[in-house]
Amino acid sequence: MRPFRRPRLLVQAARAGLNGWNRKRDLRRLLKCDDLPEPGAALPRLAAEEARLDQARREAQADYDLQCHILLLVAIIAETAGQMRHMAPAGGAAITSFGTAIPARP
């Protein structure tokens, strides 16, 4: 996956939302499925939907859903971390920060 460049406030909101993230509950709701995929397997679907919402944000479309956009970013951060934990060897290095925040445009 390519690194995301999103407004700082959006990234901060997503990072703050990680505390309330419940994979079993929230990922099922986002993916509209009963069975949870392996850690990281949902990333392509989440990234595609996030890209669609980011385009709507950039174009100031009336149907842009900020809450859903933040939830998708939370899911992407959590799934990426889960995938890395799942793949990392025991005692391996850990990555603690994801994405790049950019200053918001006026």
N, C-alpha and C. Protein backbone atom coordinates (compact mmCIF):
# COMPACT_ATOMS: atom_id res chain seq x y z
N MET A 1 0.83 -1.19 0.00
CA MET A 1 0.00 0.00 0.00
C MET A 1 0.87 1.25 0.00
N ARG A 2 0.43 2.24 -0.74
CA ARG A 2 1.15 3.52 -0.76
C ARG A 2 0.80 4.31 0.49
N PRO A 3 1.73 5.13 0.97
CA PRO A 3 1.43 5.98 2.13
C PRO A 3 0.33 6.98 1.79
N PHE A 4 -0.50 7.26 2.77
CA PHE A 4 -1.56 8.25 2.61
C PHE A 4 -1.03 9.62 2.95
N ARG A 5 -1.50 10.63 2.26
CA ARG A 5 -1.25 12.02 2.62
C ARG A 5 -2.62 12.65 2.80
N ARG A 6 -2.96 12.89 4.04
CA ARG A 6 -4.26 13.45 4.37
C ARG A 6 -4.07 14.64 5.30
N PRO A 7 -5.09 15.50 5.40
CA PRO A 7 -4.98 16.65 6.30
C PRO A 7 -4.69 16.20 7.73
N ARG A 8 -3.89 16.99 8.39
CA ARG A 8 -3.45 16.67 9.75
C ARG A 8 -4.62 16.40 10.70
N LEU A 9 -5.66 17.22 10.63
CA LEU A 9 -6.79 17.06 11.53
C LEU A 9 -7.50 15.72 11.30
N LEU A 10 -7.60 15.31 10.06
CA LEU A 10 -8.21 14.02 9.73
C LEU A 10 -7.39 12.87 10.31
N VAL A 11 -6.08 12.95 10.18
CA VAL A 11 -5.18 11.91 10.71
C VAL A 11 -5.24 11.90 12.24
N GLN A 12 -5.25 13.07 12.85
CA GLN A 12 -5.33 13.14 14.31
C GLN A 12 -6.64 12.54 14.81
N ALA A 13 -7.74 12.82 14.12
CA ALA A 13 -9.03 12.25 14.51
C ALA A 13 -9.01 10.73 14.40
N ALA A 14 -8.39 10.22 13.34
CA ALA A 14 -8.30 8.77 13.16
C ALA A 14 -7.45 8.14 14.25
N ARG A 15 -6.33 8.76 14.57
CA ARG A 15 -5.47 8.21 15.64
C ARG A 15 -6.20 8.23 16.98
N ALA A 16 -6.95 9.29 17.24
CA ALA A 16 -7.72 9.36 18.49
C ALA A 16 -8.80 8.27 18.52
N GLY A 17 -9.34 7.93 17.37
CA GLY A 17 -10.37 6.91 17.29
C GLY A 17 -9.87 5.49 17.50
N LEU A 18 -8.57 5.30 17.44
CA LEU A 18 -8.01 3.95 17.64
C LEU A 18 -8.35 3.39 19.01
N ASN A 19 -8.47 4.26 20.01
CA ASN A 19 -8.78 3.79 21.37
C ASN A 19 -10.12 3.08 21.44
N GLY A 20 -11.08 3.52 20.63
CA GLY A 20 -12.40 2.91 20.66
C GLY A 20 -12.61 1.84 19.60
N TRP A 21 -11.58 1.53 18.83
CA TRP A 21 -11.71 0.56 17.74
C TRP A 21 -11.91 -0.84 18.27
N ASN A 22 -12.94 -1.50 17.80
CA ASN A 22 -13.22 -2.89 18.12
C ASN A 22 -13.31 -3.62 16.78
N ARG A 23 -12.30 -4.37 16.45
CA ARG A 23 -12.21 -4.99 15.12
C ARG A 23 -13.44 -5.83 14.80
N LYS A 24 -13.83 -6.66 15.75
CA LYS A 24 -14.96 -7.57 15.52
C LYS A 24 -16.24 -6.79 15.20
N ARG A 25 -16.49 -5.75 15.94
CA ARG A 25 -17.71 -4.95 15.75
C ARG A 25 -17.59 -4.01 14.55
N ASP A 26 -16.53 -3.22 14.53
CA ASP A 26 -16.43 -2.13 13.57
C ASP A 26 -16.07 -2.58 12.16
N LEU A 27 -15.19 -3.56 12.03
CA LEU A 27 -14.82 -4.02 10.70
C LEU A 27 -15.99 -4.74 10.03
N ARG A 28 -16.74 -5.49 10.79
CA ARG A 28 -17.95 -6.14 10.24
C ARG A 28 -18.91 -5.10 9.69
N ARG A 29 -19.08 -4.01 10.45
CA ARG A 29 -20.00 -2.95 10.04
C ARG A 29 -19.49 -2.26 8.77
N LEU A 30 -18.20 -1.97 8.72
CA LEU A 30 -17.64 -1.29 7.54
C LEU A 30 -17.69 -2.17 6.29
N LEU A 31 -17.35 -3.44 6.44
CA LEU A 31 -17.31 -4.35 5.30
C LEU A 31 -18.67 -4.97 4.99
N LYS A 32 -19.62 -4.80 5.91
CA LYS A 32 -20.96 -5.39 5.76
C LYS A 32 -20.85 -6.90 5.54
N CYS A 33 -20.15 -7.56 6.48
CA CYS A 33 -19.96 -9.01 6.38
C CYS A 33 -20.07 -9.63 7.78
N ASP A 34 -20.27 -10.94 7.81
CA ASP A 34 -20.37 -11.65 9.08
C ASP A 34 -19.03 -12.24 9.52
N ASP A 35 -18.25 -12.72 8.56
CA ASP A 35 -16.97 -13.34 8.87
C ASP A 35 -15.84 -12.35 8.67
N LEU A 36 -15.01 -12.22 9.69
CA LEU A 36 -13.88 -11.30 9.61
C LEU A 36 -12.74 -11.90 8.80
N PRO A 37 -12.14 -11.10 7.92
CA PRO A 37 -10.98 -11.60 7.18
C PRO A 37 -9.74 -11.62 8.06
N GLU A 38 -8.69 -12.27 7.58
CA GLU A 38 -7.41 -12.26 8.29
C GLU A 38 -6.91 -10.82 8.41
N PRO A 39 -6.07 -10.54 9.42
CA PRO A 39 -5.53 -9.18 9.54
C PRO A 39 -4.83 -8.74 8.26
N GLY A 40 -5.23 -7.58 7.76
CA GLY A 40 -4.65 -7.02 6.55
C GLY A 40 -5.38 -7.38 5.27
N ALA A 41 -6.18 -8.44 5.28
CA ALA A 41 -6.85 -8.88 4.06
C ALA A 41 -7.92 -7.89 3.59
N ALA A 42 -8.45 -7.10 4.49
CA ALA A 42 -9.49 -6.13 4.14
C ALA A 42 -8.90 -4.82 3.64
N LEU A 43 -7.59 -4.66 3.72
CA LEU A 43 -6.97 -3.38 3.37
C LEU A 43 -7.29 -2.89 1.95
N PRO A 44 -7.29 -3.72 0.93
CA PRO A 44 -7.61 -3.21 -0.41
C PRO A 44 -9.03 -2.62 -0.49
N ARG A 45 -10.00 -3.30 0.11
CA ARG A 45 -11.37 -2.77 0.11
C ARG A 45 -11.47 -1.48 0.89
N LEU A 46 -10.83 -1.44 2.06
CA LEU A 46 -10.86 -0.23 2.88
C LEU A 46 -10.18 0.93 2.16
N ALA A 47 -9.05 0.66 1.54
CA ALA A 47 -8.30 1.71 0.84
C ALA A 47 -9.09 2.25 -0.35
N ALA A 48 -9.77 1.39 -1.07
CA ALA A 48 -10.57 1.83 -2.22
C ALA A 48 -11.71 2.73 -1.77
N GLU A 49 -12.39 2.34 -0.72
CA GLU A 49 -13.50 3.16 -0.20
C GLU A 49 -12.97 4.47 0.37
N GLU A 50 -11.83 4.44 1.04
CA GLU A 50 -11.25 5.67 1.59
C GLU A 50 -10.84 6.61 0.46
N ALA A 51 -10.29 6.07 -0.62
CA ALA A 51 -9.91 6.90 -1.76
C ALA A 51 -11.13 7.57 -2.38
N ARG A 52 -12.24 6.84 -2.45
CA ARG A 52 -13.48 7.41 -2.98
C ARG A 52 -13.95 8.56 -2.10
N LEU A 53 -13.91 8.34 -0.77
CA LEU A 53 -14.33 9.40 0.15
C LEU A 53 -13.37 10.58 0.12
N ASP A 54 -12.09 10.32 -0.02
CA ASP A 54 -11.14 11.42 -0.07
C ASP A 54 -11.36 12.27 -1.32
N GLN A 55 -11.68 11.63 -2.42
CA GLN A 55 -11.99 12.37 -3.65
C GLN A 55 -13.24 13.23 -3.44
N ALA A 56 -14.24 12.69 -2.77
CA ALA A 56 -15.45 13.46 -2.47
C ALA A 56 -15.12 14.65 -1.57
N ARG A 57 -14.22 14.45 -0.62
CA ARG A 57 -13.80 15.55 0.27
C ARG A 57 -13.11 16.63 -0.53
N ARG A 58 -12.19 16.23 -1.40
CA ARG A 58 -11.43 17.20 -2.20
C ARG A 58 -12.32 18.00 -3.14
N GLU A 59 -13.37 17.35 -3.63
CA GLU A 59 -14.29 18.01 -4.56
C GLU A 59 -15.45 18.70 -3.84
N ALA A 60 -15.44 18.66 -2.50
CA ALA A 60 -16.50 19.27 -1.68
C ALA A 60 -17.89 18.79 -2.10
N GLN A 61 -18.01 17.49 -2.35
CA GLN A 61 -19.29 16.92 -2.75
C GLN A 61 -20.26 16.92 -1.57
N ALA A 62 -21.52 17.10 -1.86
CA ALA A 62 -22.54 17.19 -0.82
C ALA A 62 -22.71 15.88 -0.06
N ASP A 63 -22.42 14.75 -0.70
CA ASP A 63 -22.62 13.46 -0.04
C ASP A 63 -21.40 12.97 0.73
N TYR A 64 -20.38 13.83 0.89
CA TYR A 64 -19.18 13.45 1.65
C TYR A 64 -19.56 13.18 3.11
N ASP A 65 -19.09 12.05 3.65
CA ASP A 65 -19.40 11.64 5.02
C ASP A 65 -18.12 11.64 5.85
N LEU A 66 -17.92 12.70 6.61
CA LEU A 66 -16.70 12.87 7.42
C LEU A 66 -16.57 11.75 8.44
N GLN A 67 -17.65 11.40 9.11
CA GLN A 67 -17.60 10.35 10.14
C GLN A 67 -17.16 9.02 9.53
N CYS A 68 -17.70 8.68 8.39
CA CYS A 68 -17.32 7.42 7.73
C CYS A 68 -15.86 7.48 7.27
N HIS A 69 -15.42 8.64 6.81
CA HIS A 69 -14.04 8.80 6.36
C HIS A 69 -13.08 8.56 7.53
N ILE A 70 -13.38 9.14 8.67
CA ILE A 70 -12.53 8.95 9.85
C ILE A 70 -12.54 7.48 10.26
N LEU A 71 -13.71 6.85 10.27
CA LEU A 71 -13.80 5.44 10.65
C LEU A 71 -12.99 4.56 9.69
N LEU A 72 -13.02 4.88 8.41
CA LEU A 72 -12.22 4.13 7.44
C LEU A 72 -10.73 4.30 7.71
N LEU A 73 -10.30 5.51 8.04
CA LEU A 73 -8.89 5.74 8.35
C LEU A 73 -8.49 4.99 9.62
N VAL A 74 -9.37 4.98 10.61
CA VAL A 74 -9.11 4.21 11.84
C VAL A 74 -8.93 2.73 11.47
N ALA A 75 -9.83 2.22 10.64
CA ALA A 75 -9.75 0.81 10.23
C ALA A 75 -8.46 0.52 9.47
N ILE A 76 -8.06 1.41 8.59
CA ILE A 76 -6.84 1.21 7.81
C ILE A 76 -5.62 1.19 8.73
N ILE A 77 -5.56 2.13 9.66
CA ILE A 77 -4.43 2.17 10.60
C ILE A 77 -4.42 0.90 11.45
N ALA A 78 -5.58 0.52 11.98
CA ALA A 78 -5.66 -0.67 12.84
C ALA A 78 -5.34 -1.95 12.07
N GLU A 79 -5.86 -2.07 10.85
CA GLU A 79 -5.60 -3.27 10.05
C GLU A 79 -4.14 -3.35 9.63
N THR A 80 -3.54 -2.23 9.31
CA THR A 80 -2.12 -2.22 8.95
C THR A 80 -1.28 -2.67 10.14
N ALA A 81 -1.61 -2.13 11.31
CA ALA A 81 -0.88 -2.53 12.53
C ALA A 81 -1.10 -4.01 12.82
N GLY A 82 -2.32 -4.48 12.66
CA GLY A 82 -2.63 -5.90 12.89
C GLY A 82 -1.90 -6.80 11.92
N GLN A 83 -1.82 -6.38 10.67
CA GLN A 83 -1.11 -7.17 9.67
C GLN A 83 0.38 -7.23 10.00
N MET A 84 0.94 -6.12 10.43
CA MET A 84 2.36 -6.10 10.76
C MET A 84 2.66 -6.95 11.99
N ARG A 85 1.77 -6.90 12.98
CA ARG A 85 1.95 -7.76 14.16
C ARG A 85 1.85 -9.22 13.78
N HIS A 86 0.93 -9.52 12.89
CA HIS A 86 0.70 -10.89 12.43
C HIS A 86 1.91 -11.42 11.66
N MET A 87 2.58 -10.54 10.91
CA MET A 87 3.71 -10.95 10.07
C MET A 87 5.05 -10.84 10.78
N ALA A 88 5.15 -10.01 11.81
CA ALA A 88 6.44 -9.75 12.46
C ALA A 88 6.89 -10.96 13.27
N PRO A 89 8.17 -11.25 13.25
CA PRO A 89 8.68 -12.33 14.10
C PRO A 89 8.65 -11.90 15.56
N ALA A 90 8.59 -12.86 16.44
CA ALA A 90 8.58 -12.56 17.87
C ALA A 90 9.82 -11.77 18.23
N GLY A 91 9.62 -10.69 18.97
CA GLY A 91 10.74 -9.86 19.38
C GLY A 91 11.26 -8.94 18.29
N GLY A 92 10.53 -8.87 17.14
CA GLY A 92 10.97 -8.02 16.03
C GLY A 92 10.68 -6.56 16.28
N ALA A 93 11.16 -5.73 15.40
CA ALA A 93 10.95 -4.29 15.51
C ALA A 93 9.48 -3.96 15.28
N ALA A 94 9.02 -2.92 15.92
CA ALA A 94 7.64 -2.50 15.79
C ALA A 94 7.57 -1.12 15.15
N ILE A 95 6.56 -0.91 14.34
CA ILE A 95 6.30 0.41 13.77
C ILE A 95 5.18 1.02 14.59
N THR A 96 5.37 2.25 15.01
CA THR A 96 4.39 2.86 15.91
C THR A 96 3.58 3.97 15.27
N SER A 97 3.89 4.39 14.07
CA SER A 97 3.17 5.50 13.46
C SER A 97 2.94 5.21 11.98
N PHE A 98 1.75 5.58 11.48
CA PHE A 98 1.38 5.31 10.11
C PHE A 98 0.93 6.59 9.43
N GLY A 99 1.16 6.68 8.15
CA GLY A 99 0.67 7.80 7.36
C GLY A 99 1.44 9.07 7.59
N THR A 100 1.13 10.04 6.78
CA THR A 100 1.76 11.34 6.89
C THR A 100 0.67 12.39 6.97
N ALA A 101 0.71 13.20 8.00
CA ALA A 101 -0.25 14.28 8.12
C ALA A 101 0.28 15.49 7.37
N ILE A 102 -0.61 16.17 6.68
CA ILE A 102 -0.23 17.40 5.99
C ILE A 102 -1.10 18.53 6.52
N PRO A 103 -0.62 19.76 6.46
CA PRO A 103 -1.44 20.88 6.93
C PRO A 103 -2.72 20.97 6.11
N ALA A 104 -3.81 21.34 6.76
CA ALA A 104 -5.09 21.47 6.08
C ALA A 104 -5.05 22.67 5.14
N ARG A 105 -5.77 22.54 4.05
CA ARG A 105 -5.88 23.67 3.13
C ARG A 105 -6.98 24.59 3.64
N PRO A 106 -6.84 25.90 3.40
CA PRO A 106 -7.89 26.83 3.84
C PRO A 106 -9.17 26.63 3.09
